[in-house]
Amino acid sequence: MIEDELTPTRRQFPRIPTENVVMIHRIGPAEQQEMATARQIGLGGLMISSVEPLGVDSYLRLKITIDNEVVEATGRVVWEKPAEDGSTDVGVAFISIDSAHSDTILAQMWQADAG
């Protein structure tokens, strides 16, 4: 059996479903900015729904809105696949996030678990 990107056994950190607004700034020669929606989030990264592919191995600066707070992180695109609605699902691994912002994500995960 082939495991897909959403299989929990392939993750170091669990993720929860979410609907957070994300400002994406692709770093590098093909710089790009867009607003997207995070569909899953965890301490190790997130899955976003993007209007177009961002490029596997691209580096991103992210600003994620969680409960009226802005979480900033740097991430790397680790996978992409077309979504049924014509957008692109993008898996992003965090490569840099400060502990206060990790705590904000953790609080959202606790809140989702309690609800």
Protein backbone atom coordinates (compact mmCIF):
# COMPACT_ATOMS: atom_id res chain seq x y z
CA MET A 1 0.00 0.00 0.00
CA ILE A 2 1.27 3.47 -0.92
CA GLU A 3 0.89 6.13 1.76
CA ASP A 4 -0.10 9.61 0.65
CA GLU A 5 1.00 12.96 2.10
CA LEU A 6 -1.88 13.08 4.56
CA THR A 7 -1.15 9.74 6.21
CA PRO A 8 -0.37 10.47 9.90
CA THR A 9 2.31 7.76 10.11
CA ARG A 10 4.50 9.81 7.77
CA ARG A 11 4.39 12.87 10.03
CA GLN A 12 6.62 13.74 12.92
CA PHE A 13 3.96 16.14 14.27
CA PRO A 14 0.17 15.70 14.10
CA ARG A 15 -1.94 18.25 12.25
CA ILE A 16 -5.47 19.48 12.77
CA PRO A 17 -8.02 20.77 10.25
CA THR A 18 -8.18 24.56 10.15
CA GLU A 19 -9.34 27.53 8.07
CA ASN A 20 -6.63 30.14 8.75
CA VAL A 21 -5.71 32.97 6.39
CA VAL A 22 -2.06 32.85 5.30
CA MET A 23 0.02 35.54 3.55
CA ILE A 24 2.69 33.76 1.51
CA HIS A 25 5.86 35.40 0.24
CA ARG A 26 7.96 33.10 -1.93
CA ILE A 27 11.66 33.83 -1.36
CA GLY A 28 14.13 33.83 -4.24
CA PRO A 29 14.43 34.90 -7.88
CA ALA A 30 10.78 34.12 -8.72
CA GLU A 31 9.36 36.10 -5.80
CA GLN A 32 5.61 35.98 -5.44
CA GLN A 33 3.04 37.02 -2.85
CA GLU A 34 -0.45 35.66 -2.39
CA MET A 35 -3.14 35.10 0.16
CA ALA A 36 -4.07 31.48 0.79
CA THR A 37 -5.99 29.36 3.27
CA ALA A 38 -4.37 26.87 5.63
CA ARG A 39 -6.40 23.64 5.58
CA GLN A 40 -4.28 21.78 8.15
CA ILE A 41 -1.74 22.99 10.69
CA GLY A 42 0.62 21.49 13.24
CA LEU A 43 3.88 22.26 14.97
CA GLY A 44 5.89 20.92 12.02
CA GLY A 45 4.09 22.68 9.19
CA LEU A 46 0.85 23.20 7.36
CA MET A 47 -1.10 22.36 4.24
CA ILE A 48 -2.38 25.32 2.30
CA SER A 49 -4.73 25.75 -0.62
CA SER A 50 -2.96 27.96 -3.19
CA VAL A 51 -4.31 29.46 -6.42
CA GLU A 52 -1.23 28.16 -8.24
CA PRO A 53 1.74 25.85 -7.60
CA LEU A 54 4.53 27.40 -5.53
CA GLY A 55 7.25 24.93 -6.53
CA VAL A 56 8.56 21.98 -4.52
CA ASP A 57 11.66 23.02 -2.53
CA SER A 58 10.66 26.72 -2.70
CA TYR A 59 11.23 28.71 0.48
CA LEU A 60 8.39 30.78 1.88
CA ARG A 61 7.87 33.48 4.48
CA LEU A 62 4.49 32.89 6.05
CA LYS A 63 2.16 35.06 8.10
CA ILE A 64 -0.64 32.91 9.50
CA THR A 65 -3.62 34.50 11.25
CA ILE A 66 -4.70 32.45 14.28
CA ASP A 67 -7.29 33.86 16.70
CA ASN A 68 -6.43 37.49 15.87
CA GLU A 69 -2.69 36.83 16.23
CA VAL A 70 -0.17 36.71 13.39
CA VAL A 71 2.20 33.75 13.47
CA GLU A 72 5.33 34.25 11.38
CA ALA A 73 7.41 31.36 10.10
CA THR A 74 9.74 30.34 7.31
CA GLY A 75 8.92 27.14 5.49
CA ARG A 76 9.86 24.91 2.58
CA VAL A 77 7.41 23.39 0.10
CA VAL A 78 7.74 19.61 0.44
CA TRP A 79 4.89 18.49 -1.84
CA GLU A 80 2.17 19.80 -4.14
CA LYS A 81 -0.83 18.21 -5.81
CA PRO A 82 -3.81 19.50 -7.77
CA ALA A 83 -7.02 19.86 -5.77
CA GLU A 84 -10.47 18.96 -7.08
CA ASP A 85 -11.52 22.64 -7.12
CA GLY A 86 -8.67 23.66 -9.46
CA SER A 87 -6.42 25.06 -6.72
CA THR A 88 -3.19 23.43 -5.58
CA ASP A 89 -2.75 21.72 -2.21
CA VAL A 90 0.73 22.57 -0.89
CA GLY A 91 2.51 20.85 2.00
CA VAL A 92 4.90 23.19 3.83
CA ALA A 93 7.40 22.15 6.51
CA PHE A 94 8.42 24.84 8.98
CA ILE A 95 12.16 25.45 8.99
CA SER A 96 12.08 28.44 11.32
CA ILE A 97 9.45 29.49 13.83
CA ASP A 98 9.96 31.08 17.23
CA SER A 99 8.68 29.40 20.38
CA ALA A 100 5.96 32.00 21.07
CA HIS A 101 4.46 31.36 17.63
CA SER A 102 4.74 27.59 18.14
CA ASP A 103 2.82 28.09 21.40
CA THR A 104 0.03 29.86 19.46
CA ILE A 105 -0.25 26.88 17.10
CA LEU A 106 -0.19 24.48 20.04
CA ALA A 107 -2.99 26.45 21.73
CA GLN A 108 -5.10 26.14 18.58
CA MET A 109 -4.44 22.40 18.53
CA TRP A 110 -5.50 22.07 22.19
CA GLN A 111 -8.60 24.13 21.52
CA ALA A 112 -9.53 21.88 18.54
CA ASP A 113 -8.93 18.76 20.63
CA ALA A 114 -11.13 20.08 23.46
CA GLY A 115 -13.93 21.09 21.10
